[in-house]
Amino acid sequence: YLPNGEGIRGKTLICEGISGAAIGKRTERTSGRLGKFRFGQLVGGEYVLRLESGGTPVTVLLQAGQSIQIDLESGP
């Protein structure tokens, strides 16, 4: 989400694992008409999320089975 709570429509978000069981895992998703992204069934570990078009990357530590919502400007 952007700071104003809006989604980012039609953008590609890259999720790359950088520690734990997540190392080497990479997934890309393109946001839908509401500008939302969803990554499912990720293993526990640390991930870097970034827009393909640039912007500030966000690092997230995810526990197995955890569900989180992320603001791309300021992190989880």
N, C-alpha and C. Protein backbone atom coordinates (compact mmCIF):
# COMPACT_ATOMS: atom_id res chain seq x y z
N TYR A 1 0.82 -1.19 0.00
CA TYR A 1 0.00 0.00 0.00
C TYR A 1 0.87 1.26 0.00
N LEU A 2 0.34 2.29 -0.57
CA LEU A 2 0.98 3.59 -0.48
C LEU A 2 0.60 4.23 0.85
N PRO A 3 1.32 5.27 1.28
CA PRO A 3 1.01 5.90 2.56
C PRO A 3 -0.45 6.34 2.70
N ASN A 4 -1.12 6.66 1.59
CA ASN A 4 -2.53 7.08 1.66
C ASN A 4 -3.49 5.90 1.70
N GLY A 5 -2.97 4.67 1.76
CA GLY A 5 -3.80 3.47 1.84
C GLY A 5 -4.20 2.88 0.51
N GLU A 6 -3.85 3.53 -0.59
CA GLU A 6 -4.21 3.03 -1.91
C GLU A 6 -3.25 1.93 -2.36
N GLY A 7 -3.75 1.03 -3.17
CA GLY A 7 -2.91 0.02 -3.78
C GLY A 7 -2.19 0.59 -4.99
N ILE A 8 -1.27 -0.17 -5.54
CA ILE A 8 -0.49 0.27 -6.69
C ILE A 8 -0.88 -0.62 -7.87
N ARG A 9 -1.81 -0.16 -8.69
CA ARG A 9 -2.38 -0.94 -9.78
C ARG A 9 -1.39 -1.18 -10.92
N GLY A 10 -1.35 -2.43 -11.43
CA GLY A 10 -0.57 -2.75 -12.62
C GLY A 10 0.94 -2.75 -12.45
N LYS A 11 1.43 -2.88 -11.24
CA LYS A 11 2.88 -2.89 -10.99
C LYS A 11 3.33 -4.30 -10.63
N THR A 12 4.60 -4.60 -10.89
CA THR A 12 5.16 -5.90 -10.54
C THR A 12 5.98 -5.77 -9.27
N LEU A 13 5.70 -6.66 -8.31
CA LEU A 13 6.43 -6.70 -7.05
C LEU A 13 7.27 -7.97 -7.04
N ILE A 14 8.54 -7.83 -6.66
CA ILE A 14 9.47 -8.95 -6.60
C ILE A 14 9.73 -9.28 -5.14
N CYS A 15 9.65 -10.55 -4.79
CA CYS A 15 9.88 -11.05 -3.44
C CYS A 15 11.05 -12.03 -3.51
N GLU A 16 12.17 -11.68 -2.84
CA GLU A 16 13.36 -12.53 -2.89
C GLU A 16 13.77 -12.94 -1.48
N GLY A 17 13.98 -14.24 -1.27
CA GLY A 17 14.42 -14.75 0.02
C GLY A 17 15.90 -14.51 0.23
N ILE A 18 16.26 -14.01 1.44
CA ILE A 18 17.66 -13.70 1.71
C ILE A 18 18.21 -14.40 2.94
N SER A 19 17.36 -15.14 3.70
CA SER A 19 17.88 -15.90 4.84
C SER A 19 16.94 -17.05 5.18
N GLY A 20 17.43 -17.94 6.02
CA GLY A 20 16.61 -19.08 6.43
C GLY A 20 16.26 -19.97 5.26
N ALA A 21 15.14 -20.66 5.36
CA ALA A 21 14.68 -21.56 4.30
C ALA A 21 14.29 -20.79 3.04
N ALA A 22 14.19 -19.47 3.14
CA ALA A 22 13.77 -18.64 2.00
C ALA A 22 14.90 -18.34 1.03
N ILE A 23 16.16 -18.59 1.42
CA ILE A 23 17.30 -18.22 0.57
C ILE A 23 17.14 -18.77 -0.84
N GLY A 24 17.32 -17.88 -1.82
CA GLY A 24 17.28 -18.28 -3.21
C GLY A 24 15.89 -18.36 -3.82
N LYS A 25 14.85 -18.18 -3.04
CA LYS A 25 13.50 -18.23 -3.59
C LYS A 25 13.11 -16.85 -4.10
N ARG A 26 12.55 -16.80 -5.28
CA ARG A 26 12.16 -15.53 -5.90
C ARG A 26 10.79 -15.70 -6.53
N THR A 27 9.91 -14.76 -6.25
CA THR A 27 8.55 -14.80 -6.79
C THR A 27 8.19 -13.39 -7.25
N GLU A 28 7.46 -13.31 -8.37
CA GLU A 28 6.98 -12.02 -8.87
C GLU A 28 5.47 -12.07 -9.00
N ARG A 29 4.83 -10.97 -8.68
CA ARG A 29 3.39 -10.83 -8.84
C ARG A 29 3.09 -9.45 -9.42
N THR A 30 2.06 -9.39 -10.26
CA THR A 30 1.59 -8.11 -10.78
C THR A 30 0.28 -7.78 -10.09
N SER A 31 0.17 -6.55 -9.61
CA SER A 31 -1.03 -6.16 -8.87
C SER A 31 -2.25 -6.14 -9.78
N GLY A 32 -3.39 -6.41 -9.17
CA GLY A 32 -4.66 -6.43 -9.88
C GLY A 32 -5.29 -5.05 -9.96
N ARG A 33 -6.55 -5.02 -10.32
CA ARG A 33 -7.25 -3.74 -10.53
C ARG A 33 -7.39 -2.90 -9.28
N LEU A 34 -7.30 -3.53 -8.09
CA LEU A 34 -7.35 -2.77 -6.84
C LEU A 34 -5.96 -2.38 -6.35
N GLY A 35 -4.93 -2.82 -7.09
CA GLY A 35 -3.57 -2.45 -6.73
C GLY A 35 -3.01 -3.24 -5.57
N LYS A 36 -3.50 -4.45 -5.35
CA LYS A 36 -3.05 -5.27 -4.23
C LYS A 36 -2.18 -6.43 -4.73
N PHE A 37 -1.27 -6.86 -3.86
CA PHE A 37 -0.41 -8.00 -4.14
C PHE A 37 -0.67 -9.07 -3.09
N ARG A 38 -0.48 -10.33 -3.46
CA ARG A 38 -0.57 -11.40 -2.47
C ARG A 38 0.43 -12.49 -2.85
N PHE A 39 1.26 -12.84 -1.88
CA PHE A 39 2.18 -13.96 -2.04
C PHE A 39 1.72 -15.04 -1.07
N GLY A 40 1.46 -16.23 -1.56
CA GLY A 40 0.98 -17.31 -0.70
C GLY A 40 2.01 -18.40 -0.54
N GLN A 41 1.90 -19.13 0.55
CA GLN A 41 2.70 -20.31 0.84
C GLN A 41 4.21 -20.05 0.80
N LEU A 42 4.64 -18.93 1.37
CA LEU A 42 6.08 -18.66 1.50
C LEU A 42 6.60 -19.39 2.71
N VAL A 43 7.80 -19.91 2.61
CA VAL A 43 8.44 -20.56 3.77
C VAL A 43 8.97 -19.48 4.71
N GLY A 44 9.19 -19.83 5.97
CA GLY A 44 9.73 -18.88 6.93
C GLY A 44 11.12 -18.42 6.53
N GLY A 45 11.43 -17.18 6.80
CA GLY A 45 12.73 -16.62 6.47
C GLY A 45 12.64 -15.13 6.27
N GLU A 46 13.74 -14.55 5.83
CA GLU A 46 13.78 -13.12 5.58
C GLU A 46 13.68 -12.87 4.08
N TYR A 47 12.85 -11.89 3.73
CA TYR A 47 12.60 -11.56 2.33
C TYR A 47 12.84 -10.08 2.09
N VAL A 48 13.21 -9.75 0.85
CA VAL A 48 13.26 -8.37 0.39
C VAL A 48 12.15 -8.22 -0.65
N LEU A 49 11.30 -7.22 -0.44
CA LEU A 49 10.23 -6.91 -1.38
C LEU A 49 10.57 -5.60 -2.07
N ARG A 50 10.40 -5.57 -3.38
CA ARG A 50 10.67 -4.33 -4.11
C ARG A 50 9.83 -4.28 -5.37
N LEU A 51 9.49 -3.08 -5.76
CA LEU A 51 8.80 -2.90 -7.03
C LEU A 51 9.81 -3.06 -8.16
N GLU A 52 9.41 -3.71 -9.22
CA GLU A 52 10.28 -3.90 -10.38
C GLU A 52 10.73 -2.55 -10.94
N SER A 53 9.86 -1.54 -10.85
CA SER A 53 10.15 -0.23 -11.42
C SER A 53 11.00 0.66 -10.51
N GLY A 54 11.44 0.14 -9.37
CA GLY A 54 12.28 0.93 -8.47
C GLY A 54 11.60 1.16 -7.14
N GLY A 55 12.03 2.18 -6.45
CA GLY A 55 11.48 2.45 -5.13
C GLY A 55 12.37 1.87 -4.04
N THR A 56 11.99 2.08 -2.81
CA THR A 56 12.76 1.62 -1.67
C THR A 56 12.39 0.18 -1.32
N PRO A 57 13.36 -0.75 -1.31
CA PRO A 57 13.06 -2.12 -0.92
C PRO A 57 12.65 -2.20 0.55
N VAL A 58 11.83 -3.20 0.87
CA VAL A 58 11.38 -3.45 2.24
C VAL A 58 11.84 -4.84 2.63
N THR A 59 12.49 -4.98 3.79
CA THR A 59 12.92 -6.28 4.30
C THR A 59 11.91 -6.76 5.32
N VAL A 60 11.51 -8.04 5.20
CA VAL A 60 10.48 -8.61 6.06
C VAL A 60 10.96 -9.96 6.59
N LEU A 61 10.81 -10.18 7.90
CA LEU A 61 11.08 -11.48 8.50
C LEU A 61 9.75 -12.17 8.68
N LEU A 62 9.57 -13.30 8.03
CA LEU A 62 8.30 -14.02 8.01
C LEU A 62 8.44 -15.36 8.71
N GLN A 63 7.56 -15.62 9.65
CA GLN A 63 7.51 -16.92 10.31
C GLN A 63 6.59 -17.82 9.49
N ALA A 64 6.83 -19.13 9.51
CA ALA A 64 5.97 -20.07 8.78
C ALA A 64 4.53 -19.91 9.24
N GLY A 65 3.61 -19.81 8.29
CA GLY A 65 2.20 -19.68 8.59
C GLY A 65 1.74 -18.28 8.95
N GLN A 66 2.66 -17.33 9.01
CA GLN A 66 2.33 -15.95 9.38
C GLN A 66 1.73 -15.21 8.20
N SER A 67 0.82 -14.30 8.49
CA SER A 67 0.22 -13.44 7.48
C SER A 67 0.48 -11.99 7.88
N ILE A 68 1.02 -11.18 6.96
CA ILE A 68 1.33 -9.78 7.27
C ILE A 68 0.87 -8.88 6.14
N GLN A 69 0.64 -7.62 6.48
CA GLN A 69 0.31 -6.58 5.50
C GLN A 69 1.45 -5.58 5.51
N ILE A 70 1.89 -5.13 4.34
CA ILE A 70 3.08 -4.28 4.24
C ILE A 70 2.78 -2.98 3.53
N ASP A 71 3.29 -1.90 4.08
CA ASP A 71 3.26 -0.59 3.45
C ASP A 71 4.61 -0.44 2.74
N LEU A 72 4.60 -0.31 1.43
CA LEU A 72 5.86 -0.28 0.67
C LEU A 72 6.74 0.93 0.99
N GLU A 73 6.19 1.95 1.60
CA GLU A 73 6.98 3.11 1.97
C GLU A 73 7.70 2.93 3.30
N SER A 74 7.07 2.27 4.28
CA SER A 74 7.66 2.23 5.61
C SER A 74 7.87 0.85 6.21
N GLY A 75 7.57 -0.23 5.47
CA GLY A 75 7.79 -1.57 5.98
C GLY A 75 6.57 -2.14 6.67
N PRO A 76 6.72 -3.34 7.28
CA PRO A 76 5.57 -4.03 7.88
C PRO A 76 5.06 -3.35 9.14
